[in-house]
PDB file of N, CA and C in Angstrom:
ATOM      1  N   UNK A   1       0.812  -1.187   0.000  1.00  0.00           N
ATOM      2  CA  UNK A   1       0.000   0.000   0.000  1.00  0.00           C
ATOM      3  C   UNK A   1       0.863   1.262   0.000  1.00  0.00           C
ATOM      4  N   UNK A   2       1.865   1.282   0.878  1.00  0.00           N
ATOM      5  CA  UNK A   2       2.750   2.441   0.985  1.00  0.00           C
ATOM      6  C   UNK A   2       3.540   2.612  -0.318  1.00  0.00           C
ATOM      7  N   UNK A   3       3.982   1.505  -0.890  1.00  0.00           N
ATOM      8  CA  UNK A   3       4.766   1.581  -2.128  1.00  0.00           C
ATOM      9  C   UNK A   3       3.927   2.113  -3.281  1.00  0.00           C
ATOM     10  N   UNK A   4       2.650   1.758  -3.292  1.00  0.00           N
ATOM     11  CA  UNK A   4       1.763   2.276  -4.346  1.00  0.00           C
ATOM     12  C   UNK A   4       1.602   3.787  -4.216  1.00  0.00           C
ATOM     13  N   UNK A   5       1.473   4.275  -2.993  1.00  0.00           N
ATOM     14  CA  UNK A   5       1.353   5.715  -2.768  1.00  0.00           C
ATOM     15  C   UNK A   5       2.631   6.438  -3.170  1.00  0.00           C
ATOM     16  N   UNK A   6       3.762   5.845  -2.839  1.00  0.00           N
ATOM     17  CA  UNK A   6       5.043   6.451  -3.224  1.00  0.00           C
ATOM     18  C   UNK A   6       5.183   6.465  -4.745  1.00  0.00           C
ATOM     19  N   UNK A   7       4.826   5.356  -5.380  1.00  0.00           N
ATOM     20  CA  UNK A   7       4.899   5.272  -6.835  1.00  0.00           C
ATOM     21  C   UNK A   7       3.969   6.298  -7.483  1.00  0.00           C
ATOM     22  N   UNK A   8       2.769   6.438  -6.969  1.00  0.00           N
ATOM     23  CA  UNK A   8       1.817   7.416  -7.476  1.00  0.00           C
ATOM     24  C   UNK A   8       2.351   8.838  -7.290  1.00  0.00           C
ATOM     25  N   UNK A   9       2.938   9.111  -6.119  1.00  0.00           N
ATOM     26  CA  UNK A   9       3.510  10.419  -5.859  1.00  0.00           C
ATOM     27  C   UNK A   9       4.642  10.734  -6.843  1.00  0.00           C
ATOM     28  N   UNK A  10       5.513   9.773  -7.098  1.00  0.00           N
ATOM     29  CA  UNK A  10       6.629   9.978  -8.029  1.00  0.00           C
ATOM     30  C   UNK A  10       6.102  10.247  -9.443  1.00  0.00           C
ATOM     31  N   UNK A  11       5.113   9.500  -9.860  1.00  0.00           N
ATOM     32  CA  UNK A  11       4.532   9.707 -11.194  1.00  0.00           C
ATOM     33  C   UNK A  11       3.895  11.088 -11.296  1.00  0.00           C
ATOM     34  N   UNK A  12       3.131  11.483 -10.290  1.00  0.00           N
ATOM     35  CA  UNK A  12       2.512  12.813 -10.294  1.00  0.00           C
ATOM     36  C   UNK A  12       3.560  13.926 -10.266  1.00  0.00           C
ATOM     37  N   UNK A  13       4.623  13.704  -9.507  1.00  0.00           N
ATOM     38  CA  UNK A  13       5.705  14.680  -9.445  1.00  0.00           C
ATOM     39  C   UNK A  13       6.329  14.881 -10.830  1.00  0.00           C
ATOM     40  N   UNK A  14       6.634  13.800 -11.545  1.00  0.00           N
ATOM     41  CA  UNK A  14       7.249  13.909 -12.868  1.00  0.00           C
ATOM     42  C   UNK A  14       6.281  14.512 -13.884  1.00  0.00           C
ATOM     43  N   UNK A  15       5.019  14.222 -13.769  1.00  0.00           N
ATOM     44  CA  UNK A  15       4.036  14.857 -14.650  1.00  0.00           C
ATOM     45  C   UNK A  15       3.968  16.357 -14.411  1.00  0.00           C
ATOM     46  N   UNK A  16       4.053  16.763 -13.155  1.00  0.00           N
ATOM     47  CA  UNK A  16       4.055  18.183 -12.826  1.00  0.00           C
ATOM     48  C   UNK A  16       5.302  18.864 -13.390  1.00  0.00           C
ATOM     49  N   UNK A  17       6.453  18.245 -13.232  1.00  0.00           N
ATOM     50  CA  UNK A  17       7.702  18.802 -13.779  1.00  0.00           C
ATOM     51  C   UNK A  17       7.598  18.926 -15.293  1.00  0.00           C
ATOM     52  N   UNK A  18       7.065  17.912 -15.947  1.00  0.00           N
ATOM     53  CA  UNK A  18       6.909  17.953 -17.404  1.00  0.00           C
ATOM     54  C   UNK A  18       5.968  19.082 -17.820  1.00  0.00           C
ATOM     55  N   UNK A  19       4.852  19.230 -17.127  1.00  0.00           N
ATOM     56  CA  UNK A  19       3.883  20.281 -17.469  1.00  0.00           C
ATOM     57  C   UNK A  19       4.496  21.664 -17.293  1.00  0.00           C
ATOM     58  N   UNK A  20       5.275  21.859 -16.240  1.00  0.00           N
ATOM     59  CA  UNK A  20       5.922  23.153 -16.013  1.00  0.00           C
ATOM     60  C   UNK A  20       6.936  23.436 -17.110  1.00  0.00           C
ATOM     61  N   UNK A  21       7.708  22.439 -17.507  1.00  0.00           N
ATOM     62  CA  UNK A  21       8.721  22.663 -18.544  1.00  0.00           C
ATOM     63  C   UNK A  21       8.082  22.958 -19.896  1.00  0.00           C
ATOM     64  N   UNK A  22       6.979  22.332 -20.210  1.00  0.00           N
ATOM     65  CA  UNK A  22       6.264  22.617 -21.457  1.00  0.00           C
ATOM     66  C   UNK A  22       5.717  24.030 -21.438  1.00  0.00           C
ATOM     67  N   UNK A  23       5.147  24.445 -20.329  1.00  0.00           N
ATOM     68  CA  UNK A  23       4.604  25.797 -20.200  1.00  0.00           C
ATOM     69  C   UNK A  23       5.725  26.834 -20.267  1.00  0.00           C
ATOM     70  N   UNK A  24       6.875  26.545 -19.695  1.00  0.00           N
ATOM     71  CA  UNK A  24       8.002  27.478 -19.734  1.00  0.00           C
ATOM     72  C   UNK A  24       8.462  27.696 -21.170  1.00  0.00           C
ATOM     73  N   UNK A  25       8.305  26.704 -22.017  1.00  0.00           N
ATOM     74  CA  UNK A  25       8.659  26.854 -23.419  1.00  0.00           C
ATOM     75  C   UNK A  25       7.832  27.906 -24.131  1.00  0.00           C
ATOM     76  N   UNK A  26       6.630  28.188 -23.611  1.00  0.00           N
ATOM     77  CA  UNK A  26       5.805  29.241 -24.196  1.00  0.00           C
ATOM     78  C   UNK A  26       6.370  30.623 -23.906  1.00  0.00           C
ATOM     79  N   UNK A  27       7.090  30.770 -22.778  1.00  0.00           N
ATOM     80  CA  UNK A  27       7.603  32.069 -22.386  1.00  0.00           C
ATOM     81  C   UNK A  27       8.959  32.368 -22.999  1.00  0.00           C
ATOM     82  N   UNK A  28       9.771  31.358 -23.226  1.00  0.00           N
ATOM     83  CA  UNK A  28      11.093  31.577 -23.812  1.00  0.00           C
ATOM     84  C   UNK A  28      11.326  30.551 -24.902  1.00  0.00           C
ATOM     85  N   UNK A  29      11.813  31.026 -25.991  1.00  0.00           N
ATOM     86  CA  UNK A  29      12.083  30.142 -27.110  1.00  0.00           C
ATOM     87  C   UNK A  29      13.360  30.589 -27.789  1.00  0.00           C
ATOM     88  N   UNK A  30      14.082  29.654 -28.374  1.00  0.00           N
ATOM     89  CA  UNK A  30      15.277  29.999 -29.134  1.00  0.00           C
ATOM     90  C   UNK A  30      14.935  30.533 -30.512  1.00  0.00           C
ATOM     91  N   UNK A  31      13.685  30.493 -30.880  1.00  0.00           N
ATOM     92  CA  UNK A  31      13.274  30.953 -32.191  1.00  0.00           C
ATOM     93  C   UNK A  31      13.322  32.477 -32.260  1.00  0.00           C
ATOM     94  N   UNK A  32      13.780  33.038 -33.398  1.00  0.00           N
ATOM     95  CA  UNK A  32      13.835  34.497 -33.520  1.00  0.00           C
ATOM     96  C   UNK A  32      12.460  35.155 -33.617  1.00  0.00           C
ATOM     97  N   UNK A  33      11.433  34.384 -33.979  1.00  0.00           N
ATOM     98  CA  UNK A  33      10.070  34.924 -34.072  1.00  0.00           C
ATOM     99  C   UNK A  33       9.143  34.055 -33.236  1.00  0.00           C
ATOM    100  N   UNK A  34       8.162  34.682 -32.587  1.00  0.00           N
ATOM    101  CA  UNK A  34       7.197  33.900 -31.821  1.00  0.00           C
ATOM    102  C   UNK A  34       6.141  33.323 -32.760  1.00  0.00           C
ATOM    103  N   UNK A  35       5.190  32.617 -32.195  1.00  0.00           N
ATOM    104  CA  UNK A  35       4.200  31.934 -33.040  1.00  0.00           C
ATOM    105  C   UNK A  35       3.272  32.897 -33.770  1.00  0.00           C
ATOM    106  N   UNK A  36       3.274  34.169 -33.383  1.00  0.00           N
ATOM    107  CA  UNK A  36       2.443  35.172 -34.056  1.00  0.00           C
ATOM    108  C   UNK A  36       3.217  35.942 -35.124  1.00  0.00           C
ATOM    109  N   UNK A  37       4.477  35.580 -35.332  1.00  0.00           N
ATOM    110  CA  UNK A  37       5.287  36.236 -36.354  1.00  0.00           C
ATOM    111  C   UNK A  37       5.985  37.499 -35.888  1.00  0.00           C
ATOM    112  N   UNK A  38       5.924  37.780 -34.576  1.00  0.00           N
ATOM    113  CA  UNK A  38       6.595  38.964 -34.032  1.00  0.00           C
ATOM    114  C   UNK A  38       8.020  38.611 -33.623  1.00  0.00           C
ATOM    115  N   UNK A  39       8.967  39.539 -33.820  1.00  0.00           N
ATOM    116  CA  UNK A  39      10.351  39.256 -33.429  1.00  0.00           C
ATOM    117  C   UNK A  39      10.490  39.081 -31.922  1.00  0.00           C
ATOM    118  N   UNK A  40      11.365  38.154 -31.529  1.00  0.00           N
ATOM    119  CA  UNK A  40      11.715  37.969 -30.123  1.00  0.00           C
ATOM    120  C   UNK A  40      13.129  38.508 -29.935  1.00  0.00           C
ATOM    121  N   UNK A  41      13.283  39.478 -29.063  1.00  0.00           N
ATOM    122  CA  UNK A  41      14.579  40.095 -28.828  1.00  0.00           C
ATOM    123  C   UNK A  41      15.236  39.402 -27.648  1.00  0.00           C
ATOM    124  N   UNK A  42      16.197  38.527 -27.950  1.00  0.00           N
ATOM    125  CA  UNK A  42      16.777  37.645 -26.940  1.00  0.00           C
ATOM    126  C   UNK A  42      18.084  38.144 -26.360  1.00  0.00           C
ATOM    127  N   UNK A  43      18.726  39.109 -27.007  1.00  0.00           N
ATOM    128  CA  UNK A  43      20.034  39.573 -26.578  1.00  0.00           C
ATOM    129  C   UNK A  43      19.997  41.068 -26.316  1.00  0.00           C
ATOM    130  N   UNK A  44      20.789  41.515 -25.348  1.00  0.00           N
ATOM    131  CA  UNK A  44      20.844  42.935 -25.028  1.00  0.00           C
ATOM    132  C   UNK A  44      22.299  43.383 -25.023  1.00  0.00           C
ATOM    133  N   UNK A  45      22.576  44.488 -25.718  1.00  0.00           N
ATOM    134  CA  UNK A  45      23.915  45.043 -25.764  1.00  0.00           C
ATOM    135  C   UNK A  45      24.196  45.907 -24.546  1.00  0.00           C
ATOM    136  N   UNK A  46      25.452  46.374 -24.431  1.00  0.00           N
ATOM    137  CA  UNK A  46      25.830  47.247 -23.315  1.00  0.00           C
ATOM    138  C   UNK A  46      24.995  48.515 -23.287  1.00  0.00           C
ATOM    139  N   UNK A  47      24.581  48.981 -24.446  1.00  0.00           N
ATOM    140  CA  UNK A  47      23.816  50.228 -24.523  1.00  0.00           C
ATOM    141  C   UNK A  47      22.362  50.049 -24.101  1.00  0.00           C
ATOM    142  N   UNK A  48      21.925  48.803 -23.949  1.00  0.00           N
ATOM    143  CA  UNK A  48      20.531  48.531 -23.622  1.00  0.00           C
ATOM    144  C   UNK A  48      19.696  48.180 -24.841  1.00  0.00           C
ATOM    145  N   UNK A  49      20.280  48.304 -26.029  1.00  0.00           N
ATOM    146  CA  UNK A  49      19.570  47.936 -27.252  1.00  0.00           C
ATOM    147  C   UNK A  49      19.366  46.429 -27.274  1.00  0.00           C
ATOM    148  N   UNK A  50      18.177  46.010 -27.629  1.00  0.00           N
ATOM    149  CA  UNK A  50      17.855  44.583 -27.680  1.00  0.00           C
ATOM    150  C   UNK A  50      17.921  44.092 -29.124  1.00  0.00           C
ATOM    151  N   UNK A  51      18.433  42.871 -29.292  1.00  0.00           N
ATOM    152  CA  UNK A  51      18.640  42.279 -30.610  1.00  0.00           C
ATOM    153  C   UNK A  51      17.992  40.898 -30.692  1.00  0.00           C
ATOM    154  N   UNK A  52      17.603  40.539 -31.918  1.00  0.00           N
ATOM    155  CA  UNK A  52      17.111  39.181 -32.165  1.00  0.00           C
ATOM    156  C   UNK A  52      18.257  38.191 -32.240  1.00  0.00           C
ATOM    157  N   UNK A  53      19.375  38.611 -32.778  1.00  0.00           N
ATOM    158  CA  UNK A  53      20.477  37.702 -33.071  1.00  0.00           C
ATOM    159  C   UNK A  53      21.765  38.186 -32.430  1.00  0.00           C
ATOM    160  N   UNK A  54      22.552  37.245 -31.925  1.00  0.00           N
ATOM    161  CA  UNK A  54      23.894  37.520 -31.431  1.00  0.00           C
ATOM    162  C   UNK A  54      24.843  37.094 -32.553  1.00  0.00           C
ATOM    163  N   UNK A  55      25.394  38.064 -33.262  1.00  0.00           N
ATOM    164  CA  UNK A  55      26.173  37.748 -34.456  1.00  0.00           C
ATOM    165  C   UNK A  55      27.551  37.175 -34.144  1.00  0.00           C
ATOM    166  N   UNK A  56      27.918  37.073 -32.854  1.00  0.00           N
ATOM    167  CA  UNK A  56      29.151  36.366 -32.504  1.00  0.00           C
ATOM    168  C   UNK A  56      28.909  34.857 -32.439  1.00  0.00           C
ATOM    169  N   UNK A  57      27.653  34.455 -32.463  1.00  0.00           N
ATOM    170  CA  UNK A  57      27.268  33.039 -32.463  1.00  0.00           C
ATOM    171  C   UNK A  57      27.078  32.595 -33.913  1.00  0.00           C
ATOM    172  N   UNK A  58      27.831  31.595 -34.379  1.00  0.00           N
ATOM    173  CA  UNK A  58      27.734  31.174 -35.788  1.00  0.00           C
ATOM    174  C   UNK A  58      26.315  30.761 -36.206  1.00  0.00           C
ATOM    175  N   UNK A  59      25.568  30.120 -35.326  1.00  0.00           N
ATOM    176  CA  UNK A  59      24.198  29.704 -35.674  1.00  0.00           C
ATOM    177  C   UNK A  59      23.298  30.921 -35.846  1.00  0.00           C
ATOM    178  N   UNK A  60      23.418  31.876 -34.919  1.00  0.00           N
ATOM    179  CA  UNK A  60      22.622  33.099 -35.034  1.00  0.00           C
ATOM    180  C   UNK A  60      23.019  33.880 -36.283  1.00  0.00           C
ATOM    181  N   UNK A  61      24.320  33.904 -36.588  1.00  0.00           N
ATOM    182  CA  UNK A  61      24.776  34.632 -37.774  1.00  0.00           C
ATOM    183  C   UNK A  61      24.160  34.039 -39.042  1.00  0.00           C
ATOM    184  N   UNK A  62      24.098  32.717 -39.106  1.00  0.00           N
ATOM    185  CA  UNK A  62      23.493  32.066 -40.270  1.00  0.00           C
ATOM    186  C   UNK A  62      22.005  32.382 -40.353  1.00  0.00           C
ATOM    187  N   UNK A  63      21.303  32.318 -39.223  1.00  0.00           N
ATOM    188  CA  UNK A  63      19.873  32.653 -39.226  1.00  0.00           C
ATOM    189  C   UNK A  63      19.657  34.101 -39.656  1.00  0.00           C
ATOM    190  N   UNK A  64      20.528  34.993 -39.186  1.00  0.00           N
ATOM    191  CA  UNK A  64      20.408  36.414 -39.533  1.00  0.00           C
ATOM    192  C   UNK A  64      20.606  36.624 -41.036  1.00  0.00           C
ATOM    193  N   UNK A  65      21.549  35.894 -41.623  1.00  0.00           N
ATOM    194  CA  UNK A  65      21.795  36.026 -43.063  1.00  0.00           C
ATOM    195  C   UNK A  65      20.579  35.598 -43.879  1.00  0.00           C
ATOM    196  N   UNK A  66      19.765  34.715 -43.324  1.00  0.00           N
ATOM    197  CA  UNK A  66      18.568  34.255 -44.020  1.00  0.00           C
ATOM    198  C   UNK A  66      17.335  35.102 -43.699  1.00  0.00           C
ATOM    199  N   UNK A  67      17.426  35.952 -42.686  1.00  0.00           N
ATOM    200  CA  UNK A  67      16.291  36.756 -42.232  1.00  0.00           C
ATOM    201  C   UNK A  67      16.351  38.149 -42.857  1.00  0.00           C
ATOM    202  N   UNK A  68      15.719  38.292 -44.016  1.00  0.00           N
ATOM    203  CA  UNK A  68      15.761  39.567 -44.734  1.00  0.00           C
ATOM    204  C   UNK A  68      15.020  40.680 -43.996  1.00  0.00           C
ATOM    205  N   UNK A  69      13.987  40.341 -43.227  1.00  0.00           N
ATOM    206  CA  UNK A  69      13.263  41.349 -42.456  1.00  0.00           C
ATOM    207  C   UNK A  69      14.171  41.990 -41.399  1.00  0.00           C
ATOM    208  N   UNK A  70      14.924  41.171 -40.679  1.00  0.00           N
ATOM    209  CA  UNK A  70      15.827  41.694 -39.649  1.00  0.00           C
ATOM    210  C   UNK A  70      16.918  42.555 -40.277  1.00  0.00           C
ATOM    211  N   UNK A  71      17.427  42.117 -41.412  1.00  0.00           N
ATOM    212  CA  UNK A  71      18.461  42.903 -42.094  1.00  0.00           C
ATOM    213  C   UNK A  71      17.916  44.255 -42.546  1.00  0.00           C
ATOM    214  N   UNK A  72      16.704  44.277 -43.049  1.00  0.00           N
ATOM    215  CA  UNK A  72      16.101  45.535 -43.489  1.00  0.00           C
ATOM    216  C   UNK A  72      15.877  46.467 -42.303  1.00  0.00           C
ATOM    217  N   UNK A  73      15.392  45.912 -41.182  1.00  0.00           N
ATOM    218  CA  UNK A  73      15.205  46.747 -39.996  1.00  0.00           C
ATOM    219  C   UNK A  73      16.523  47.356 -39.535  1.00  0.00           C
ATOM    220  N   UNK A  74      17.609  46.596 -39.628  1.00  0.00           N
ATOM    221  CA  UNK A  74      18.915  47.127 -39.223  1.00  0.00           C
ATOM    222  C   UNK A  74      19.379  48.241 -40.158  1.00  0.00           C
ATOM    223  N   UNK A  75      19.091  48.110 -41.438  1.00  0.00           N
ATOM    224  CA  UNK A  75      19.521  49.135 -42.402  1.00  0.00           C
ATOM    225  C   UNK A  75      18.822  50.469 -42.182  1.00  0.00           C
ATOM    226  N   UNK A  76      17.564  50.432 -41.746  1.00  0.00           N
ATOM    227  CA  UNK A  76      16.819  51.690 -41.626  1.00  0.00           C
ATOM    228  C   UNK A  76      16.638  52.131 -40.173  1.00  0.00           C
ATOM    229  N   UNK A  77      17.230  51.402 -39.223  1.00  0.00           N
ATOM    230  CA  UNK A  77      17.077  51.722 -37.803  1.00  0.00           C
ATOM    231  C   UNK A  77      17.899  52.971 -37.464  1.00  0.00           C
ATOM    232  N   UNK A  78      17.269  54.020 -36.912  1.00  0.00           N
ATOM    233  CA  UNK A  78      17.989  55.259 -36.612  1.00  0.00           C
ATOM    234  C   UNK A  78      18.678  55.270 -35.242  1.00  0.00           C
ATOM    235  N   UNK A  79      18.658  54.178 -34.510  1.00  0.00           N
ATOM    236  CA  UNK A  79      19.184  54.121 -33.147  1.00  0.00           C
ATOM    237  C   UNK A  79      20.716  54.285 -33.143  1.00  0.00           C
ATOM    238  N   UNK A  80      21.258  55.391 -32.567  1.00  0.00           N
ATOM    239  CA  UNK A  80      22.708  55.593 -32.536  1.00  0.00           C
ATOM    240  C   UNK A  80      23.416  54.666 -31.552  1.00  0.00           C
ATOM    241  N   UNK A  81      22.674  54.038 -30.663  1.00  0.00           N
ATOM    242  CA  UNK A  81      23.300  53.158 -29.671  1.00  0.00           C
ATOM    243  C   UNK A  81      23.801  51.855 -30.291  1.00  0.00           C
ATOM    244  N   UNK A  82      23.312  51.518 -31.472  1.00  0.00           N
ATOM    245  CA  UNK A  82      23.803  50.320 -32.161  1.00  0.00           C
ATOM    246  C   UNK A  82      25.290  50.472 -32.451  1.00  0.00           C
ATOM    247  N   UNK A  83      25.698  51.657 -32.898  1.00  0.00           N
ATOM    248  CA  UNK A  83      27.118  51.897 -33.175  1.00  0.00           C
ATOM    249  C   UNK A  83      27.940  51.837 -31.887  1.00  0.00           C
ATOM    250  N   UNK A  84      27.370  52.293 -30.779  1.00  0.00           N
ATOM    251  CA  UNK A  84      28.057  52.200 -29.488  1.00  0.00           C
ATOM    252  C   UNK A  84      28.337  50.746 -29.138  1.00  0.00           C
ATOM    253  N   UNK A  85      27.352  49.879 -29.311  1.00  0.00           N
ATOM    254  CA  UNK A  85      27.567  48.456 -29.047  1.00  0.00           C
ATOM    255  C   UNK A  85      28.672  47.904 -29.944  1.00  0.00           C
ATOM    256  N   UNK A  86      28.665  48.270 -31.206  1.00  0.00           N
ATOM    257  CA  UNK A  86      29.688  47.761 -32.132  1.00  0.00           C
ATOM    258  C   UNK A  86      31.077  48.269 -31.755  1.00  0.00           C
ATOM    259  N   UNK A  87      31.148  49.515 -31.306  1.00  0.00           N
ATOM    260  CA  UNK A  87      32.439  50.055 -30.860  1.00  0.00           C
ATOM    261  C   UNK A  87      32.973  49.299 -29.648  1.00  0.00           C
ATOM    262  N   UNK A  88      32.064  48.740 -28.860  1.00  0.00           N
ATOM    263  CA  UNK A  88      32.448  47.969 -27.671  1.00  0.00           C
ATOM    264  C   UNK A  88      32.605  46.473 -27.973  1.00  0.00           C
ATOM    265  N   UNK A  89      32.537  46.110 -29.253  1.00  0.00           N
ATOM    266  CA  UNK A  89      32.763  44.718 -29.653  1.00  0.00           C
ATOM    267  C   UNK A  89      31.546  43.822 -29.599  1.00  0.00           C
ATOM    268  N   UNK A  90      30.365  44.399 -29.499  1.00  0.00           N
ATOM    269  CA  UNK A  90      29.144  43.599 -29.498  1.00  0.00           C
ATOM    270  C   UNK A  90      28.438  43.781 -30.832  1.00  0.00           C
ATOM    271  N   UNK A  91      28.158  42.665 -31.469  1.00  0.00           N
ATOM    272  CA  UNK A  91      27.511  42.711 -32.777  1.00  0.00           C
ATOM    273  C   UNK A  91      26.198  41.947 -32.708  1.00  0.00           C
ATOM    274  N   UNK A  92      25.113  42.715 -32.706  1.00  0.00           N
ATOM    275  CA  UNK A  92      23.782  42.119 -32.690  1.00  0.00           C
ATOM    276  C   UNK A  92      23.124  42.367 -34.016  1.00  0.00           C
ATOM    277  N   UNK A  93      22.144  41.554 -34.340  1.00  0.00           N
ATOM    278  CA  UNK A  93      21.371  41.720 -35.574  1.00  0.00           C
ATOM    279  C   UNK A  93      19.894  41.722 -35.257  1.00  0.00           C
ATOM    280  N   UNK A  94      19.139  42.452 -36.050  1.00  0.00           N
ATOM    281  CA  UNK A  94      17.707  42.545 -35.834  1.00  0.00           C
ATOM    282  C   UNK A  94      17.385  43.399 -34.631  1.00  0.00           C
ATOM    283  N   UNK A  95      17.964  44.614 -34.572  1.00  0.00           N
ATOM    284  CA  UNK A  95      17.802  45.497 -33.417  1.00  0.00           C
ATOM    285  C   UNK A  95      16.350  45.939 -33.263  1.00  0.00           C
ATOM    286  N   UNK A  96      15.937  46.066 -32.015  1.00  0.00           N
ATOM    287  CA  UNK A  96      14.602  46.546 -31.705  1.00  0.00           C
ATOM    288  C   UNK A  96      14.573  48.060 -31.854  1.00  0.00           C
ATOM    289  N   UNK A  97      13.491  48.584 -32.391  1.00  0.00           N
ATOM    290  CA  UNK A  97      13.327  50.042 -32.559  1.00  0.00           C
ATOM    291  C   UNK A  97      12.951  50.655 -31.265  1.00  0.00           C
TER     292      UNK A  97
END
């Protein structure tokens, strides 16, 4: 009887852990865009500017090269703090306006 209760408790505990981890995936994702097509800004430079991509990461750099929307936003972004980050050795892509 006691072993059945312990077994049931362990199973319920692991189900709870699994449910929490699945729900946490809704709040943070490695994807550059959320399920609604909006950019997710995952990186922050020294200046406080937030970026979709960390261009020092080879995987992010490849994704950025394929993301024409992020590249266009960077070309027309008037934020002077982007240059400050680059002067400090931080290279982000897909800067938030």
